[in-house]
């Protein structure tokens, strides 16, 4: 169903996002999370609280890994609006002609900016069991990376490289 919503360029963004997980080595931690969720929590009730703390940390990392892979997708398609449209479609369907990137970003800013301590706790609880951040927050994070110049820096070749770190081997 997702592919029916996407243009060819948007599908390339999604494919590049998924390949970003592979290139970034996310599989190990995603597998650990999956194993903990599907086996350890239900078979080791005594260790539930300890395992739950690890699971919560891995879930937060897992959500952040989605933001990293979104960057990979953008680097491949090299069109921020394509990436933004994908996130809008994932949030609300295929009618992007009726949607506004600016309004979507304002919604994300309001979500992050507004609220008291109770709202903050509810936001944490709302995301706690999600594998992906909300689409509106993903779009906002990607737009911030573009607006802050990080995206252009990578396009210009200005980023840390492994060959500058003697401690990293090819096998690593």
N, C-alpha and C. Protein backbone atom coordinates (compact mmCIF):
# COMPACT_ATOMS: atom_id res chain seq x y z
N UNK A 1 0.80 -1.19 0.00
CA UNK A 1 0.00 0.00 0.00
C UNK A 1 0.84 1.26 0.00
N UNK A 2 1.98 1.21 0.68
CA UNK A 2 2.85 2.38 0.74
C UNK A 2 3.34 2.75 -0.65
N UNK A 3 3.75 1.75 -1.43
CA UNK A 3 4.27 2.04 -2.77
C UNK A 3 3.23 2.67 -3.67
N UNK A 4 1.96 2.35 -3.45
CA UNK A 4 0.89 2.96 -4.25
C UNK A 4 0.77 4.46 -3.98
N UNK A 5 1.20 4.90 -2.80
CA UNK A 5 1.13 6.32 -2.44
C UNK A 5 2.30 7.13 -3.00
N UNK A 6 3.41 6.45 -3.32
CA UNK A 6 4.66 7.14 -3.59
C UNK A 6 4.96 7.27 -5.07
N UNK A 7 5.61 8.40 -5.41
CA UNK A 7 6.19 8.55 -6.74
C UNK A 7 7.47 7.73 -6.80
N UNK A 8 8.09 7.63 -7.96
CA UNK A 8 9.34 6.88 -8.08
C UNK A 8 10.43 7.48 -7.20
N UNK A 9 10.54 8.82 -7.19
CA UNK A 9 11.57 9.46 -6.36
C UNK A 9 11.30 9.23 -4.87
N UNK A 10 10.04 9.26 -4.47
CA UNK A 10 9.70 9.02 -3.07
C UNK A 10 10.00 7.57 -2.68
N UNK A 11 9.75 6.63 -3.60
CA UNK A 11 10.09 5.23 -3.34
C UNK A 11 11.61 5.07 -3.22
N UNK A 12 12.37 5.83 -4.01
CA UNK A 12 13.84 5.80 -3.89
C UNK A 12 14.27 6.29 -2.51
N UNK A 13 13.60 7.32 -2.00
CA UNK A 13 13.91 7.81 -0.66
C UNK A 13 13.69 6.71 0.37
N UNK A 14 12.57 6.01 0.28
CA UNK A 14 12.25 4.95 1.24
C UNK A 14 13.27 3.81 1.13
N UNK A 15 13.61 3.42 -0.09
CA UNK A 15 14.60 2.36 -0.28
C UNK A 15 15.96 2.78 0.27
N UNK A 16 16.37 4.02 -0.01
CA UNK A 16 17.65 4.53 0.50
C UNK A 16 17.62 4.62 2.02
N UNK A 17 16.48 4.98 2.59
CA UNK A 17 16.33 5.00 4.05
C UNK A 17 16.61 3.60 4.61
N UNK A 18 16.00 2.58 4.01
CA UNK A 18 16.19 1.21 4.48
C UNK A 18 17.64 0.76 4.30
N UNK A 19 18.25 1.11 3.17
CA UNK A 19 19.66 0.78 2.97
C UNK A 19 20.55 1.53 3.96
N UNK A 20 20.10 2.70 4.40
CA UNK A 20 20.83 3.45 5.42
C UNK A 20 20.94 2.66 6.71
N UNK A 21 19.88 1.93 7.05
CA UNK A 21 19.94 1.06 8.23
C UNK A 21 21.06 0.01 8.06
N UNK A 22 21.12 -0.57 6.86
CA UNK A 22 22.13 -1.60 6.60
C UNK A 22 23.53 -0.99 6.68
N UNK A 23 23.75 0.10 5.96
CA UNK A 23 25.07 0.73 5.93
C UNK A 23 25.51 1.26 7.28
N UNK A 24 24.57 1.62 8.13
CA UNK A 24 24.89 2.16 9.45
C UNK A 24 25.07 1.07 10.50
N UNK A 25 24.84 -0.17 10.13
CA UNK A 25 25.02 -1.26 11.08
C UNK A 25 23.94 -1.33 12.14
N UNK A 26 22.75 -0.89 11.82
CA UNK A 26 21.66 -0.88 12.79
C UNK A 26 21.12 -2.28 13.11
N UNK A 27 21.42 -3.25 12.29
CA UNK A 27 20.82 -4.58 12.44
C UNK A 27 21.12 -5.21 13.79
N UNK A 28 22.31 -5.06 14.31
CA UNK A 28 22.67 -5.69 15.58
C UNK A 28 21.75 -5.22 16.71
N UNK A 29 21.61 -3.91 16.86
CA UNK A 29 20.80 -3.40 17.96
C UNK A 29 19.31 -3.62 17.73
N UNK A 30 18.88 -3.55 16.48
CA UNK A 30 17.48 -3.83 16.20
C UNK A 30 17.17 -5.29 16.50
N UNK A 31 18.11 -6.19 16.20
CA UNK A 31 17.93 -7.61 16.51
C UNK A 31 17.90 -7.83 18.03
N UNK A 32 18.80 -7.17 18.76
CA UNK A 32 18.79 -7.29 20.21
C UNK A 32 17.44 -6.84 20.79
N UNK A 33 16.93 -5.73 20.30
CA UNK A 33 15.64 -5.23 20.77
C UNK A 33 14.54 -6.24 20.46
N UNK A 34 14.55 -6.76 19.24
CA UNK A 34 13.53 -7.73 18.84
C UNK A 34 13.58 -8.97 19.74
N UNK A 35 14.78 -9.47 20.00
CA UNK A 35 14.92 -10.66 20.85
C UNK A 35 14.44 -10.38 22.27
N UNK A 36 14.81 -9.23 22.81
CA UNK A 36 14.35 -8.89 24.15
C UNK A 36 12.84 -8.78 24.23
N UNK A 37 12.27 -8.15 23.21
CA UNK A 37 10.81 -7.97 23.22
C UNK A 37 10.06 -9.28 23.05
N UNK A 38 10.58 -10.15 22.21
CA UNK A 38 9.82 -11.35 21.88
C UNK A 38 10.13 -12.56 22.75
N UNK A 39 11.26 -12.54 23.43
CA UNK A 39 11.61 -13.72 24.20
C UNK A 39 11.84 -13.42 25.67
N UNK A 40 12.78 -12.55 25.94
CA UNK A 40 13.20 -12.32 27.33
C UNK A 40 12.09 -11.77 28.21
N UNK A 41 11.33 -10.83 27.74
CA UNK A 41 10.31 -10.21 28.58
C UNK A 41 9.23 -11.20 29.02
N UNK A 42 8.94 -12.16 28.18
CA UNK A 42 7.85 -13.08 28.50
C UNK A 42 8.34 -14.37 29.16
N UNK A 43 9.59 -14.69 28.97
CA UNK A 43 10.11 -15.94 29.52
C UNK A 43 10.88 -15.74 30.81
N UNK A 44 11.24 -14.49 31.11
CA UNK A 44 12.02 -14.19 32.31
C UNK A 44 11.32 -13.14 33.16
N UNK A 45 10.18 -13.45 33.72
CA UNK A 45 9.43 -12.44 34.47
C UNK A 45 10.19 -11.85 35.65
N UNK A 46 11.11 -12.62 36.24
CA UNK A 46 11.88 -12.11 37.37
C UNK A 46 12.78 -10.97 36.93
N UNK A 47 13.31 -11.07 35.73
CA UNK A 47 14.24 -10.07 35.23
C UNK A 47 13.52 -8.94 34.49
N UNK A 48 12.20 -8.91 34.58
CA UNK A 48 11.41 -7.96 33.80
C UNK A 48 11.88 -6.52 33.95
N UNK A 49 12.07 -6.04 35.17
CA UNK A 49 12.44 -4.64 35.37
C UNK A 49 13.81 -4.31 34.80
N UNK A 50 14.74 -5.22 34.95
CA UNK A 50 16.08 -4.99 34.40
C UNK A 50 16.02 -4.96 32.88
N UNK A 51 15.37 -5.96 32.33
CA UNK A 51 15.26 -6.04 30.87
C UNK A 51 14.46 -4.86 30.33
N UNK A 52 13.43 -4.43 31.05
CA UNK A 52 12.60 -3.31 30.60
C UNK A 52 13.43 -2.03 30.47
N UNK A 53 14.37 -1.80 31.39
CA UNK A 53 15.23 -0.62 31.31
C UNK A 53 16.09 -0.67 30.05
N UNK A 54 16.62 -1.85 29.75
CA UNK A 54 17.43 -2.02 28.53
C UNK A 54 16.56 -1.82 27.30
N UNK A 55 15.37 -2.37 27.33
CA UNK A 55 14.44 -2.24 26.19
C UNK A 55 14.10 -0.77 25.94
N UNK A 56 13.83 -0.02 27.01
CA UNK A 56 13.49 1.40 26.84
C UNK A 56 14.65 2.16 26.19
N UNK A 57 15.88 1.88 26.62
CA UNK A 57 17.04 2.54 26.02
C UNK A 57 17.20 2.13 24.57
N UNK A 58 17.03 0.86 24.26
CA UNK A 58 17.14 0.40 22.88
C UNK A 58 16.03 0.97 22.00
N UNK A 59 14.84 1.12 22.56
CA UNK A 59 13.75 1.71 21.77
C UNK A 59 14.04 3.17 21.43
N UNK A 60 14.60 3.91 22.39
CA UNK A 60 14.97 5.30 22.10
C UNK A 60 16.04 5.34 21.02
N UNK A 61 17.05 4.48 21.15
CA UNK A 61 18.09 4.40 20.12
C UNK A 61 17.45 4.03 18.77
N UNK A 62 16.51 3.08 18.79
CA UNK A 62 15.85 2.63 17.57
C UNK A 62 15.12 3.78 16.87
N UNK A 63 14.43 4.59 17.66
CA UNK A 63 13.75 5.75 17.06
C UNK A 63 14.75 6.73 16.47
N UNK A 64 15.88 6.93 17.15
CA UNK A 64 16.92 7.84 16.62
C UNK A 64 17.54 7.27 15.36
N UNK A 65 17.64 5.94 15.27
CA UNK A 65 18.21 5.34 14.06
C UNK A 65 17.36 5.65 12.83
N UNK A 66 16.07 5.85 13.04
CA UNK A 66 15.20 6.22 11.93
C UNK A 66 15.57 7.60 11.38
N UNK A 67 15.96 8.50 12.27
CA UNK A 67 16.37 9.84 11.83
C UNK A 67 17.66 9.77 11.03
N UNK A 68 18.60 8.92 11.45
CA UNK A 68 19.85 8.74 10.71
C UNK A 68 19.57 8.19 9.32
N UNK A 69 18.69 7.22 9.26
CA UNK A 69 18.37 6.62 7.96
C UNK A 69 17.59 7.57 7.07
N UNK A 70 16.80 8.46 7.66
CA UNK A 70 16.15 9.51 6.87
C UNK A 70 17.19 10.38 6.18
N UNK A 71 18.28 10.67 6.89
CA UNK A 71 19.36 11.47 6.29
C UNK A 71 19.97 10.74 5.11
N UNK A 72 20.15 9.44 5.25
CA UNK A 72 20.68 8.65 4.14
C UNK A 72 19.74 8.72 2.94
N UNK A 73 18.45 8.59 3.20
CA UNK A 73 17.48 8.68 2.12
C UNK A 73 17.56 10.02 1.40
N UNK A 74 17.69 11.10 2.17
CA UNK A 74 17.79 12.43 1.56
C UNK A 74 19.08 12.56 0.76
N UNK A 75 20.17 12.04 1.29
CA UNK A 75 21.44 12.13 0.56
C UNK A 75 21.35 11.41 -0.79
N UNK A 76 20.56 10.35 -0.85
CA UNK A 76 20.42 9.61 -2.10
C UNK A 76 19.53 10.32 -3.11
N UNK A 77 18.39 10.86 -2.66
CA UNK A 77 17.50 11.52 -3.62
C UNK A 77 17.88 12.97 -3.85
N UNK A 78 18.58 13.58 -2.91
CA UNK A 78 19.08 14.95 -2.98
C UNK A 78 17.99 15.96 -3.34
N UNK A 79 16.82 15.76 -2.76
CA UNK A 79 15.72 16.70 -2.92
C UNK A 79 14.92 16.72 -1.62
N UNK A 80 15.14 17.72 -0.77
CA UNK A 80 14.43 17.75 0.52
C UNK A 80 12.92 17.65 0.39
N UNK A 81 12.33 18.28 -0.62
CA UNK A 81 10.87 18.23 -0.75
C UNK A 81 10.37 16.81 -0.98
N UNK A 82 11.14 15.99 -1.69
CA UNK A 82 10.75 14.59 -1.88
C UNK A 82 10.68 13.89 -0.53
N UNK A 83 11.72 14.09 0.29
CA UNK A 83 11.75 13.47 1.62
C UNK A 83 10.60 13.98 2.49
N UNK A 84 10.35 15.27 2.42
CA UNK A 84 9.27 15.85 3.22
C UNK A 84 7.92 15.28 2.81
N UNK A 85 7.71 15.13 1.50
CA UNK A 85 6.43 14.58 1.01
C UNK A 85 6.22 13.15 1.52
N UNK A 86 7.31 12.36 1.55
CA UNK A 86 7.17 10.99 2.06
C UNK A 86 6.65 11.01 3.48
N UNK A 87 7.21 11.86 4.32
CA UNK A 87 6.77 11.90 5.71
C UNK A 87 5.34 12.42 5.84
N UNK A 88 4.96 13.37 5.00
CA UNK A 88 3.58 13.85 5.04
C UNK A 88 2.62 12.75 4.60
N UNK A 89 3.02 11.99 3.57
CA UNK A 89 2.17 10.89 3.11
C UNK A 89 2.05 9.81 4.17
N UNK A 90 3.13 9.53 4.86
CA UNK A 90 3.08 8.51 5.92
C UNK A 90 2.17 8.95 7.07
N UNK A 91 2.07 10.25 7.24
CA UNK A 91 1.22 10.78 8.33
C UNK A 91 -0.24 10.91 7.91
N UNK A 92 -0.47 11.24 6.64
CA UNK A 92 -1.84 11.58 6.30
C UNK A 92 -2.33 11.13 4.94
N UNK A 93 -1.63 10.25 4.29
CA UNK A 93 -2.11 9.77 3.00
C UNK A 93 -1.49 10.53 1.85
N UNK A 94 -2.00 10.31 0.68
CA UNK A 94 -1.39 10.78 -0.54
C UNK A 94 -1.76 12.16 -1.02
N UNK A 95 -2.57 12.89 -0.31
CA UNK A 95 -3.03 14.19 -0.81
C UNK A 95 -2.09 15.32 -0.43
N UNK A 96 -0.84 15.23 -0.87
CA UNK A 96 0.14 16.25 -0.48
C UNK A 96 -0.17 17.61 -1.10
N UNK A 97 -0.97 17.63 -2.16
CA UNK A 97 -1.36 18.92 -2.73
C UNK A 97 -2.24 19.71 -1.76
N UNK A 98 -2.84 19.02 -0.79
CA UNK A 98 -3.66 19.68 0.22
C UNK A 98 -2.89 19.88 1.53
N UNK A 99 -1.60 19.55 1.53
CA UNK A 99 -0.79 19.66 2.73
C UNK A 99 0.27 20.74 2.56
N UNK A 100 0.77 21.22 3.69
CA UNK A 100 1.78 22.27 3.67
C UNK A 100 2.96 21.83 4.54
N UNK A 101 4.17 21.83 3.96
CA UNK A 101 5.37 21.50 4.72
C UNK A 101 5.52 22.48 5.88
N UNK A 102 5.28 23.76 5.61
CA UNK A 102 5.43 24.78 6.65
C UNK A 102 4.47 24.52 7.82
N UNK A 103 3.23 24.17 7.51
CA UNK A 103 2.25 23.88 8.57
C UNK A 103 2.65 22.62 9.33
N UNK A 104 3.18 21.65 8.62
CA UNK A 104 3.63 20.41 9.25
C UNK A 104 4.78 20.69 10.22
N UNK A 105 5.73 21.53 9.79
CA UNK A 105 6.87 21.89 10.65
C UNK A 105 6.38 22.70 11.85
N UNK A 106 5.45 23.61 11.65
CA UNK A 106 4.90 24.38 12.79
C UNK A 106 4.24 23.43 13.79
N UNK A 107 3.55 22.43 13.30
CA UNK A 107 2.93 21.44 14.18
C UNK A 107 4.00 20.74 15.02
N UNK A 108 5.12 20.37 14.41
CA UNK A 108 6.21 19.71 15.14
C UNK A 108 6.80 20.66 16.18
N UNK A 109 6.99 21.91 15.79
CA UNK A 109 7.56 22.89 16.72
C UNK A 109 6.64 23.10 17.92
N UNK A 110 5.35 23.18 17.67
CA UNK A 110 4.39 23.33 18.76
C UNK A 110 4.42 22.11 19.67
N UNK A 111 4.51 20.94 19.09
CA UNK A 111 4.55 19.70 19.87
C UNK A 111 5.76 19.70 20.81
N UNK A 112 6.92 20.11 20.29
CA UNK A 112 8.14 20.09 21.08
C UNK A 112 8.20 21.24 22.08
N UNK A 113 7.63 22.37 21.73
CA UNK A 113 7.76 23.59 22.53
C UNK A 113 6.74 23.69 23.65
N UNK A 114 5.51 23.32 23.38
CA UNK A 114 4.43 23.60 24.31
C UNK A 114 4.22 22.48 25.32
N UNK A 115 3.64 22.86 26.44
CA UNK A 115 3.24 21.89 27.45
C UNK A 115 3.98 22.05 28.75
N UNK A 116 3.37 21.50 29.78
CA UNK A 116 3.96 21.53 31.11
C UNK A 116 4.60 20.17 31.40
N UNK A 117 4.92 19.94 32.66
CA UNK A 117 5.58 18.69 33.05
C UNK A 117 4.71 17.47 32.73
N UNK A 118 3.41 17.60 32.94
CA UNK A 118 2.50 16.50 32.63
C UNK A 118 2.51 16.19 31.13
N UNK A 119 2.47 17.24 30.29
CA UNK A 119 2.52 17.03 28.85
C UNK A 119 3.81 16.34 28.44
N UNK A 120 4.92 16.73 29.06
CA UNK A 120 6.21 16.11 28.75
C UNK A 120 6.17 14.62 29.09
N UNK A 121 5.62 14.29 30.24
CA UNK A 121 5.50 12.88 30.64
C UNK A 121 4.60 12.12 29.66
N UNK A 122 3.50 12.74 29.25
CA UNK A 122 2.59 12.08 28.31
C UNK A 122 3.25 11.89 26.94
N UNK A 123 4.08 12.85 26.53
CA UNK A 123 4.80 12.71 25.25
C UNK A 123 5.76 11.53 25.31
N UNK A 124 6.47 11.40 26.43
CA UNK A 124 7.40 10.27 26.59
C UNK A 124 6.63 8.96 26.56
N UNK A 125 5.53 8.91 27.28
CA UNK A 125 4.73 7.68 27.32
C UNK A 125 4.12 7.37 25.96
N UNK A 126 3.76 8.39 25.21
CA UNK A 126 3.16 8.21 23.90
C UNK A 126 4.15 7.59 22.92
N UNK A 127 5.42 7.92 23.05
CA UNK A 127 6.45 7.39 22.15
C UNK A 127 7.07 6.08 22.66
N UNK A 128 6.88 5.78 23.92
CA UNK A 128 7.59 4.69 24.58
C UNK A 128 7.54 3.36 23.82
N UNK A 129 6.42 3.01 23.28
CA UNK A 129 6.29 1.71 22.62
C UNK A 129 6.28 1.81 21.09
N UNK A 130 6.63 2.97 20.59
CA UNK A 130 6.67 3.16 19.13
C UNK A 130 8.05 2.78 18.60
N UNK A 131 8.09 2.22 17.40
CA UNK A 131 9.36 1.90 16.77
C UNK A 131 9.91 3.09 15.98
N UNK A 132 9.03 3.99 15.58
CA UNK A 132 9.42 5.15 14.77
C UNK A 132 8.91 6.42 15.44
N UNK A 133 9.68 7.51 15.33
CA UNK A 133 9.14 8.80 15.78
C UNK A 133 7.93 9.17 14.91
N UNK A 134 7.09 10.05 15.41
CA UNK A 134 5.97 10.52 14.60
C UNK A 134 6.52 11.16 13.32
N UNK A 135 5.79 10.99 12.22
CA UNK A 135 6.23 11.52 10.92
C UNK A 135 6.50 13.01 10.97
N UNK A 136 5.68 13.74 11.69
CA UNK A 136 5.85 15.19 11.77
C UNK A 136 7.19 15.53 12.44
N UNK A 137 7.60 14.74 13.44
CA UNK A 137 8.88 14.99 14.10
C UNK A 137 10.05 14.58 13.21
N UNK A 138 9.86 13.54 12.42
CA UNK A 138 10.91 13.12 11.49
C UNK A 138 11.13 14.17 10.41
N UNK A 139 10.04 14.71 9.87
CA UNK A 139 10.16 15.77 8.87
C UNK A 139 10.87 16.98 9.48
N UNK A 140 10.49 17.36 10.68
CA UNK A 140 11.09 18.53 11.33
C UNK A 140 12.58 18.31 11.58
N UNK A 141 12.98 17.10 11.98
CA UNK A 141 14.39 16.82 12.22
C UNK A 141 15.19 16.89 10.91
N UNK A 142 14.60 16.36 9.85
CA UNK A 142 15.27 16.40 8.55
C UNK A 142 15.39 17.84 8.03
N UNK A 143 14.32 18.61 8.20
CA UNK A 143 14.33 20.02 7.77
C UNK A 143 15.36 20.81 8.57
N UNK A 144 15.47 20.54 9.85
CA UNK A 144 16.46 21.23 10.69
C UNK A 144 17.87 20.91 10.21
N UNK A 145 18.13 19.65 9.84
CA UNK A 145 19.45 19.26 9.33
C UNK A 145 19.75 20.00 8.03
N UNK A 146 18.75 20.15 7.18
CA UNK A 146 18.94 20.90 5.93
C UNK A 146 19.18 22.38 6.24
N UNK A 147 18.31 22.96 7.07
CA UNK A 147 18.39 24.40 7.36
C UNK A 147 19.66 24.78 8.12
N UNK A 148 20.15 23.90 8.98
CA UNK A 148 21.36 24.19 9.76
C UNK A 148 22.65 24.01 8.97
N UNK A 149 22.55 23.48 7.75
CA UNK A 149 23.73 23.35 6.90
C UNK A 149 24.41 21.99 6.95
N UNK A 150 23.97 21.09 7.83
CA UNK A 150 24.59 19.77 7.92
C UNK A 150 24.46 18.97 6.63
N UNK A 151 23.30 19.07 6.01
CA UNK A 151 23.06 18.37 4.74
C UNK A 151 24.02 18.87 3.66
N UNK A 152 24.13 20.18 3.54
CA UNK A 152 25.03 20.75 2.53
C UNK A 152 26.48 20.41 2.82
N UNK A 153 26.86 20.38 4.10
CA UNK A 153 28.23 20.00 4.46
C UNK A 153 28.56 18.61 3.94
N UNK A 154 27.64 17.67 4.11
CA UNK A 154 27.89 16.31 3.62
C UNK A 154 27.96 16.30 2.10
N UNK A 155 27.07 17.02 1.43
CA UNK A 155 27.12 17.09 -0.03
C UNK A 155 28.45 17.68 -0.51
N UNK A 156 28.98 18.63 0.27
CA UNK A 156 30.26 19.27 -0.07
C UNK A 156 31.47 18.42 0.31
N UNK A 157 31.23 17.29 0.95
CA UNK A 157 32.32 16.41 1.35
C UNK A 157 32.94 16.76 2.68
N UNK A 158 32.31 17.64 3.43
CA UNK A 158 32.84 18.09 4.72
C UNK A 158 32.18 17.30 5.85
N UNK A 159 32.76 16.15 6.16
CA UNK A 159 32.26 15.29 7.23
C UNK A 159 33.40 14.39 7.70
N UNK A 160 33.30 13.88 8.93
CA UNK A 160 34.36 13.00 9.45
C UNK A 160 34.47 11.73 8.61
N UNK A 161 35.67 11.26 8.44
CA UNK A 161 35.90 10.04 7.67
C UNK A 161 36.64 9.02 8.52
N UNK A 162 36.43 7.77 8.22
CA UNK A 162 37.09 6.71 8.98
C UNK A 162 38.59 6.68 8.75
N UNK A 163 39.04 7.12 7.58
CA UNK A 163 40.49 7.08 7.32
C UNK A 163 41.26 8.07 8.19
N UNK A 164 40.57 8.98 8.84
CA UNK A 164 41.21 9.93 9.74
C UNK A 164 41.31 9.42 11.17
N UNK A 165 40.82 8.21 11.41
CA UNK A 165 40.83 7.63 12.75
C UNK A 165 41.61 6.32 12.71
N UNK A 166 42.81 6.34 13.28
CA UNK A 166 43.68 5.16 13.23
C UNK A 166 43.10 3.98 13.99
N UNK A 167 42.18 4.23 14.92
CA UNK A 167 41.61 3.16 15.73
C UNK A 167 40.56 2.33 14.97
N UNK A 168 40.11 2.80 13.81
CA UNK A 168 39.06 2.11 13.07
C UNK A 168 39.71 1.31 11.95
N UNK A 169 39.44 0.03 11.96
CA UNK A 169 39.95 -0.82 10.88
C UNK A 169 38.83 -1.10 9.89
N UNK A 170 39.19 -1.64 8.75
CA UNK A 170 38.19 -1.99 7.75
C UNK A 170 37.21 -3.01 8.31
N UNK A 171 37.73 -3.95 9.09
CA UNK A 171 36.87 -4.98 9.69
C UNK A 171 35.86 -4.37 10.66
N UNK A 172 36.28 -3.31 11.39
CA UNK A 172 35.36 -2.63 12.31
C UNK A 172 34.22 -2.02 11.55
